[in-house]
Amino acid sequence: MASSWMALMTLMMCSSCTWAHGRDASGNAEMSQPATAAPPADGMIEVLNASSGLHLKHLRGSSPRGCLCIFDIDCTLSKKRTGDVRLSEAGSNIGRTFCANCALGSITAGPWRRALPSGGIVAGCNGKCKRKAAEVMAALSGIPRSRVYFFDDQADNVRTFAGSGMNARQVGCYGCGAKAWEVTAQPGVNYCK
């Protein structure tokens, strides 16, 4: 797991990152260890970079499910472009897609907010950052790249997954918000037609 932690720190490229483990009585992350400290043995890892606003939360450990579905939030899991999450048809029906049997995660260019009931979250991340974050989420979860499925409404974000060994699909092809039928285990990098 040490190499995954180093990959995570490299991805963030920050000297002032901290990790958090656990929650205080108010539900806030307890922030007490410097980035040079060893990561917690289990549970939540939270990495913050104050200078760029990049924020990643991820649950450590391998997934017994063997696949990982990662979703953009704005106009993918949410039917809104920004702000509060209002679940799209796909967001409301993840349990009816093949992703019900996979670990879940989300990556957004916007601010941190929860759109899925569980899984890793990366905020303040767009373009090539989404591919790098997906690689780290897969490594931390112990899931092979060929079993990672990324869904985003922006073709440019999907395009960055070409040659990565991960699968990516453009969704929300008929307006803001993905449909459940668009969430498929289609291999390769695929776009709206």
C-alpha atoms as a PDB file:
ATOM      1  CA  MET A   1       0.000   0.000   0.000  1.00  0.00           C
ATOM      2  CA  ALA A   2       2.964   2.351   0.461  1.00  0.00           C
ATOM      3  CA  SER A   3       3.455   2.683  -3.301  1.00  0.00           C
ATOM      4  CA  SER A   4      -0.239   3.579  -3.742  1.00  0.00           C
ATOM      5  CA  TRP A   5       0.137   6.255  -1.066  1.00  0.00           C
ATOM      6  CA  MET A   6       3.171   7.665  -2.903  1.00  0.00           C
ATOM      7  CA  ALA A   7       1.263   7.607  -6.192  1.00  0.00           C
ATOM      8  CA  LEU A   8      -1.513   9.553  -4.507  1.00  0.00           C
ATOM      9  CA  MET A   9       0.923  12.133  -3.165  1.00  0.00           C
ATOM     10  CA  THR A  10       2.587  12.398  -6.600  1.00  0.00           C
ATOM     11  CA  LEU A  11      -0.799  12.909  -8.233  1.00  0.00           C
ATOM     12  CA  MET A  12      -1.576  15.790  -5.915  1.00  0.00           C
ATOM     13  CA  MET A  13       1.886  17.349  -6.418  1.00  0.00           C
ATOM     14  CA  CYS A  14       1.616  19.316  -3.241  1.00  0.00           C
ATOM     15  CA  SER A  15       4.007  19.846  -0.393  1.00  0.00           C
ATOM     16  CA  SER A  16       1.327  20.902   2.061  1.00  0.00           C
ATOM     17  CA  CYS A  17      -1.016  17.895   1.804  1.00  0.00           C
ATOM     18  CA  THR A  18      -2.358  16.388   4.982  1.00  0.00           C
ATOM     19  CA  TRP A  19      -4.262  13.223   5.617  1.00  0.00           C
ATOM     20  CA  ALA A  20      -7.235  12.728   7.816  1.00  0.00           C
ATOM     21  CA  HIS A  21      -8.466   9.602   9.474  1.00  0.00           C
ATOM     22  CA  GLY A  22     -11.759   9.471  11.276  1.00  0.00           C
ATOM     23  CA  ARG A  23     -14.327  12.093  12.245  1.00  0.00           C
ATOM     24  CA  ASP A  24     -14.700  14.291  15.306  1.00  0.00           C
ATOM     25  CA  ALA A  25     -17.964  14.578  17.274  1.00  0.00           C
ATOM     26  CA  SER A  26     -19.321  17.096  14.743  1.00  0.00           C
ATOM     27  CA  GLY A  27     -18.603  14.813  11.786  1.00  0.00           C
ATOM     28  CA  ASN A  28     -15.620  16.860  10.584  1.00  0.00           C
ATOM     29  CA  ALA A  29     -12.419  15.197   9.414  1.00  0.00           C
ATOM     30  CA  GLU A  30      -9.757  15.066  12.092  1.00  0.00           C
ATOM     31  CA  MET A  31      -6.656  16.711  10.604  1.00  0.00           C
ATOM     32  CA  SER A  32      -3.587  16.074  12.683  1.00  0.00           C
ATOM     33  CA  GLN A  33      -0.840  14.307  10.742  1.00  0.00           C
ATOM     34  CA  PRO A  34       1.619  15.844   8.242  1.00  0.00           C
ATOM     35  CA  ALA A  35       1.881  14.429   4.719  1.00  0.00           C
ATOM     36  CA  THR A  36       5.215  12.827   5.578  1.00  0.00           C
ATOM     37  CA  ALA A  37       3.560  10.640   8.205  1.00  0.00           C
ATOM     38  CA  ALA A  38       2.540   7.101   7.363  1.00  0.00           C
ATOM     39  CA  PRO A  39      -1.026   6.751   6.095  1.00  0.00           C
ATOM     40  CA  PRO A  40      -3.596   5.224   8.414  1.00  0.00           C
ATOM     41  CA  ALA A  41      -3.717   1.431   8.402  1.00  0.00           C
ATOM     42  CA  ASP A  42      -7.341   1.378   7.280  1.00  0.00           C
ATOM     43  CA  GLY A  43     -10.370   3.552   6.747  1.00  0.00           C
ATOM     44  CA  MET A  44     -10.724   6.943   5.109  1.00  0.00           C
ATOM     45  CA  ILE A  45      -7.824   8.755   3.487  1.00  0.00           C
ATOM     46  CA  GLU A  46      -8.431  12.410   2.793  1.00  0.00           C
ATOM     47  CA  VAL A  47      -5.902  14.542   0.923  1.00  0.00           C
ATOM     48  CA  LEU A  48      -6.246  18.299   0.753  1.00  0.00           C
ATOM     49  CA  ASN A  49      -4.233  20.804  -1.257  1.00  0.00           C
ATOM     50  CA  ALA A  50      -5.112  24.286  -0.051  1.00  0.00           C
ATOM     51  CA  SER A  51      -3.236  26.055  -2.858  1.00  0.00           C
ATOM     52  CA  SER A  52      -5.160  24.440  -5.740  1.00  0.00           C
ATOM     53  CA  GLY A  53      -8.373  23.486  -3.985  1.00  0.00           C
ATOM     54  CA  LEU A  54      -7.920  19.864  -5.121  1.00  0.00           C
ATOM     55  CA  HIS A  55      -9.636  17.564  -2.636  1.00  0.00           C
ATOM     56  CA  LEU A  56      -9.660  13.775  -2.733  1.00  0.00           C
ATOM     57  CA  LYS A  57     -11.351  11.361  -0.373  1.00  0.00           C
ATOM     58  CA  HIS A  58     -10.943   7.654  -0.886  1.00  0.00           C
ATOM     59  CA  LEU A  59     -11.540   4.465   1.023  1.00  0.00           C
ATOM     60  CA  ARG A  60      -8.422   2.292   1.120  1.00  0.00           C
ATOM     61  CA  GLY A  61      -8.284  -1.399   0.453  1.00  0.00           C
ATOM     62  CA  SER A  62      -9.058  -3.749  -2.364  1.00  0.00           C
ATOM     63  CA  SER A  63     -12.568  -4.125  -3.646  1.00  0.00           C
ATOM     64  CA  PRO A  64     -14.047  -7.609  -3.518  1.00  0.00           C
ATOM     65  CA  ARG A  65     -16.224  -6.597  -6.445  1.00  0.00           C
ATOM     66  CA  GLY A  66     -13.476  -6.585  -9.068  1.00  0.00           C
ATOM     67  CA  CYS A  67     -14.627  -3.515 -11.005  1.00  0.00           C
ATOM     68  CA  LEU A  68     -14.760   0.228 -10.426  1.00  0.00           C
ATOM     69  CA  CYS A  69     -17.326   2.671 -11.846  1.00  0.00           C
ATOM     70  CA  ILE A  70     -16.282   6.323 -11.694  1.00  0.00           C
ATOM     71  CA  PHE A  71     -18.707   9.107 -12.541  1.00  0.00           C
ATOM     72  CA  ASP A  72     -18.434  12.824 -13.226  1.00  0.00           C
ATOM     73  CA  ILE A  73     -20.962  14.703 -11.089  1.00  0.00           C
ATOM     74  CA  ASP A  74     -22.198  17.773 -13.024  1.00  0.00           C
ATOM     75  CA  CYS A  75     -24.515  16.797 -15.916  1.00  0.00           C
ATOM     76  CA  THR A  76     -23.709  13.113 -15.337  1.00  0.00           C
ATOM     77  CA  LEU A  77     -24.808  11.975 -11.862  1.00  0.00           C
ATOM     78  CA  SER A  78     -26.575  15.310 -11.409  1.00  0.00           C
ATOM     79  CA  LYS A  79     -29.040  16.888 -13.799  1.00  0.00           C
ATOM     80  CA  LYS A  80     -27.591  20.284 -12.888  1.00  0.00           C
ATOM     81  CA  ARG A  81     -24.396  21.782 -14.291  1.00  0.00           C
ATOM     82  CA  THR A  82     -23.268  23.261 -10.939  1.00  0.00           C
ATOM     83  CA  GLY A  83     -24.330  23.593  -7.319  1.00  0.00           C
ATOM     84  CA  ASP A  84     -26.377  21.141  -5.311  1.00  0.00           C
ATOM     85  CA  VAL A  85     -26.644  17.625  -6.691  1.00  0.00           C
ATOM     86  CA  ARG A  86     -30.040  16.758  -8.137  1.00  0.00           C
ATOM     87  CA  LEU A  87     -29.663  13.144  -9.185  1.00  0.00           C
ATOM     88  CA  SER A  88     -30.096  12.317 -12.845  1.00  0.00           C
ATOM     89  CA  GLU A  89     -31.973   9.218 -13.955  1.00  0.00           C
ATOM     90  CA  ALA A  90     -28.654   7.289 -13.922  1.00  0.00           C
ATOM     91  CA  GLY A  91     -27.681   8.745 -10.550  1.00  0.00           C
ATOM     92  CA  SER A  92     -30.988   7.616  -9.058  1.00  0.00           C
ATOM     93  CA  ASN A  93     -30.693   4.135 -10.547  1.00  0.00           C
ATOM     94  CA  ILE A  94     -27.042   3.091 -10.131  1.00  0.00           C
ATOM     95  CA  GLY A  95     -28.326  -0.046  -8.396  1.00  0.00           C
ATOM     96  CA  ARG A  96     -30.072  -1.085 -11.613  1.00  0.00           C
ATOM     97  CA  THR A  97     -26.912  -0.873 -13.724  1.00  0.00           C
ATOM     98  CA  PHE A  98     -23.912  -3.199 -13.878  1.00  0.00           C
ATOM     99  CA  CYS A  99     -22.193  -0.718 -11.511  1.00  0.00           C
ATOM    100  CA  ALA A 100     -24.319  -2.107  -8.661  1.00  0.00           C
ATOM    101  CA  ASN A 101     -21.738  -4.905  -8.540  1.00  0.00           C
ATOM    102  CA  CYS A 102     -18.700  -2.573  -8.674  1.00  0.00           C
ATOM    103  CA  ALA A 103     -16.886  -0.223  -6.320  1.00  0.00           C
ATOM    104  CA  LEU A 104     -18.000   3.371  -6.931  1.00  0.00           C
ATOM    105  CA  GLY A 105     -16.224   6.710  -7.208  1.00  0.00           C
ATOM    106  CA  SER A 106     -16.769  10.208  -8.534  1.00  0.00           C
ATOM    107  CA  ILE A 107     -14.516  12.875  -9.997  1.00  0.00           C
ATOM    108  CA  THR A 108     -15.709  16.428 -10.540  1.00  0.00           C
ATOM    109  CA  ALA A 109     -14.265  19.695 -11.770  1.00  0.00           C
ATOM    110  CA  GLY A 110     -16.515  21.402  -9.247  1.00  0.00           C
ATOM    111  CA  PRO A 111     -16.349  21.611  -5.456  1.00  0.00           C
ATOM    112  CA  TRP A 112     -16.495  18.545  -3.211  1.00  0.00           C
ATOM    113  CA  ARG A 113     -19.967  17.135  -2.640  1.00  0.00           C
ATOM    114  CA  ARG A 114     -21.351  13.639  -2.291  1.00  0.00           C
ATOM    115  CA  ALA A 115     -23.438  12.290  -5.161  1.00  0.00           C
ATOM    116  CA  LEU A 116     -23.065   8.558  -4.486  1.00  0.00           C
ATOM    117  CA  PRO A 117     -23.790   6.766  -1.199  1.00  0.00           C
ATOM    118  CA  SER A 118     -20.196   5.489  -1.005  1.00  0.00           C
ATOM    119  CA  GLY A 119     -16.868   5.527  -2.786  1.00  0.00           C
ATOM    120  CA  GLY A 120     -13.947   7.820  -3.451  1.00  0.00           C
ATOM    121  CA  ILE A 121     -14.446  11.452  -4.404  1.00  0.00           C
ATOM    122  CA  VAL A 122     -12.086  13.780  -6.242  1.00  0.00           C
ATOM    123  CA  ALA A 123     -13.015  17.467  -6.534  1.00  0.00           C
ATOM    124  CA  GLY A 124     -11.401  20.334  -8.447  1.00  0.00           C
ATOM    125  CA  CYS A 125     -10.214  17.950 -11.160  1.00  0.00           C
ATOM    126  CA  ASN A 126     -10.774  18.255 -14.922  1.00  0.00           C
ATOM    127  CA  GLY A 127      -9.231  16.990 -18.167  1.00  0.00           C
ATOM    128  CA  LYS A 128      -6.118  14.851 -17.734  1.00  0.00           C
ATOM    129  CA  CYS A 129      -6.486  15.143 -13.969  1.00  0.00           C
ATOM    130  CA  LYS A 130      -9.574  12.893 -14.197  1.00  0.00           C
ATOM    131  CA  ARG A 131      -7.551  10.143 -15.869  1.00  0.00           C
ATOM    132  CA  LYS A 132      -4.782  10.409 -13.269  1.00  0.00           C
ATOM    133  CA  ALA A 133      -7.280  10.406 -10.402  1.00  0.00           C
ATOM    134  CA  ALA A 134      -9.006   7.318 -11.864  1.00  0.00           C
ATOM    135  CA  GLU A 135      -5.636   5.551 -12.059  1.00  0.00           C
ATOM    136  CA  VAL A 136      -4.974   6.295  -8.379  1.00  0.00           C
ATOM    137  CA  MET A 137      -8.485   5.235  -7.316  1.00  0.00           C
ATOM    138  CA  ALA A 138      -8.018   1.933  -9.176  1.00  0.00           C
ATOM    139  CA  ALA A 139      -4.589   1.365  -7.613  1.00  0.00           C
ATOM    140  CA  LEU A 140      -5.856   2.125  -4.096  1.00  0.00           C
ATOM    141  CA  SER A 141      -8.824  -0.201  -4.641  1.00  0.00           C
ATOM    142  CA  GLY A 142      -6.689  -2.985  -6.117  1.00  0.00           C
ATOM    143  CA  ILE A 143      -8.743  -3.031  -9.320  1.00  0.00           C
ATOM    144  CA  PRO A 144      -7.065  -3.626 -12.706  1.00  0.00           C
ATOM    145  CA  ARG A 145      -7.344  -0.772 -15.205  1.00  0.00           C
ATOM    146  CA  SER A 146      -9.229  -2.982 -17.648  1.00  0.00           C
ATOM    147  CA  ARG A 147     -12.045  -3.195 -15.060  1.00  0.00           C
ATOM    148  CA  VAL A 148     -12.353   0.592 -14.553  1.00  0.00           C
ATOM    149  CA  TYR A 149     -15.353   2.310 -16.212  1.00  0.00           C
ATOM    150  CA  PHE A 150     -15.458   6.119 -16.334  1.00  0.00           C
ATOM    151  CA  PHE A 151     -18.586   8.110 -17.286  1.00  0.00           C
ATOM    152  CA  ASP A 152     -18.628  11.845 -18.140  1.00  0.00           C
ATOM    153  CA  ASP A 153     -20.764  14.190 -20.215  1.00  0.00           C
ATOM    154  CA  GLN A 154     -17.723  16.008 -21.655  1.00  0.00           C
ATOM    155  CA  ALA A 155     -16.042  14.402 -24.699  1.00  0.00           C
ATOM    156  CA  ASP A 156     -12.718  16.090 -23.842  1.00  0.00           C
ATOM    157  CA  ASN A 157     -12.622  14.357 -20.434  1.00  0.00           C
ATOM    158  CA  VAL A 158     -13.485  10.986 -21.993  1.00  0.00           C
ATOM    159  CA  ARG A 159     -10.814  11.452 -24.684  1.00  0.00           C
ATOM    160  CA  THR A 160      -8.032  11.634 -22.060  1.00  0.00           C
ATOM    161  CA  PHE A 161      -8.666   7.946 -21.245  1.00  0.00           C
ATOM    162  CA  ALA A 162      -7.517   6.796 -24.715  1.00  0.00           C
ATOM    163  CA  GLY A 163      -4.507   4.507 -24.362  1.00  0.00           C
ATOM    164  CA  SER A 164      -4.888   4.247 -20.564  1.00  0.00           C
ATOM    165  CA  GLY A 165      -6.172   0.675 -20.480  1.00  0.00           C
ATOM    166  CA  MET A 166      -9.307   1.981 -18.724  1.00  0.00           C
ATOM    167  CA  ASN A 167     -12.773   2.223 -20.252  1.00  0.00           C
ATOM    168  CA  ALA A 168     -14.543   5.561 -20.681  1.00  0.00           C
ATOM    169  CA  ARG A 169     -17.915   6.549 -22.070  1.00  0.00           C
ATOM    170  CA  GLN A 170     -19.510   9.888 -22.823  1.00  0.00           C
ATOM    171  CA  VAL A 171     -23.016  10.003 -21.310  1.00  0.00           C
ATOM    172  CA  GLY A 172     -25.718  12.630 -20.923  1.00  0.00           C
ATOM    173  CA  CYS A 173     -25.943  12.637 -24.702  1.00  0.00           C
ATOM    174  CA  TYR A 174     -29.531  13.888 -24.721  1.00  0.00           C
ATOM    175  CA  GLY A 175     -29.267  16.720 -22.218  1.00  0.00           C
ATOM    176  CA  CYS A 176     -27.790  17.440 -18.803  1.00  0.00           C
ATOM    177  CA  GLY A 177     -27.824  14.215 -16.766  1.00  0.00           C
ATOM    178  CA  ALA A 178     -26.981  10.629 -17.700  1.00  0.00           C
ATOM    179  CA  LYS A 179     -29.593   7.960 -18.329  1.00  0.00           C
ATOM    180  CA  ALA A 180     -29.265   4.545 -16.685  1.00  0.00           C
ATOM    181  CA  TRP A 181     -29.192   2.790 -20.085  1.00  0.00           C
ATOM    182  CA  GLU A 182     -26.015   4.754 -20.924  1.00  0.00           C
ATOM    183  CA  VAL A 183     -24.169   3.156 -17.978  1.00  0.00           C
ATOM    184  CA  THR A 184     -22.812   0.014 -19.630  1.00  0.00           C
ATOM    185  CA  ALA A 185     -19.646  -2.071 -19.393  1.00  0.00           C
ATOM    186  CA  GLN A 186     -18.699  -1.150 -22.944  1.00  0.00           C
ATOM    187  CA  PRO A 187     -14.941  -1.608 -23.485  1.00  0.00           C
ATOM    188  CA  GLY A 188     -12.707   1.146 -24.862  1.00  0.00           C
ATOM    189  CA  VAL A 189     -13.315   4.883 -25.174  1.00  0.00           C
ATOM    190  CA  ASN A 190     -16.786   5.724 -26.540  1.00  0.00           C
ATOM    191  CA  TYR A 191     -18.558   8.970 -27.444  1.00  0.00           C
ATOM    192  CA  CYS A 192     -22.118  10.165 -28.102  1.00  0.00           C
ATOM    193  CA  LYS A 193     -23.133   9.700 -31.715  1.00  0.00           C
END
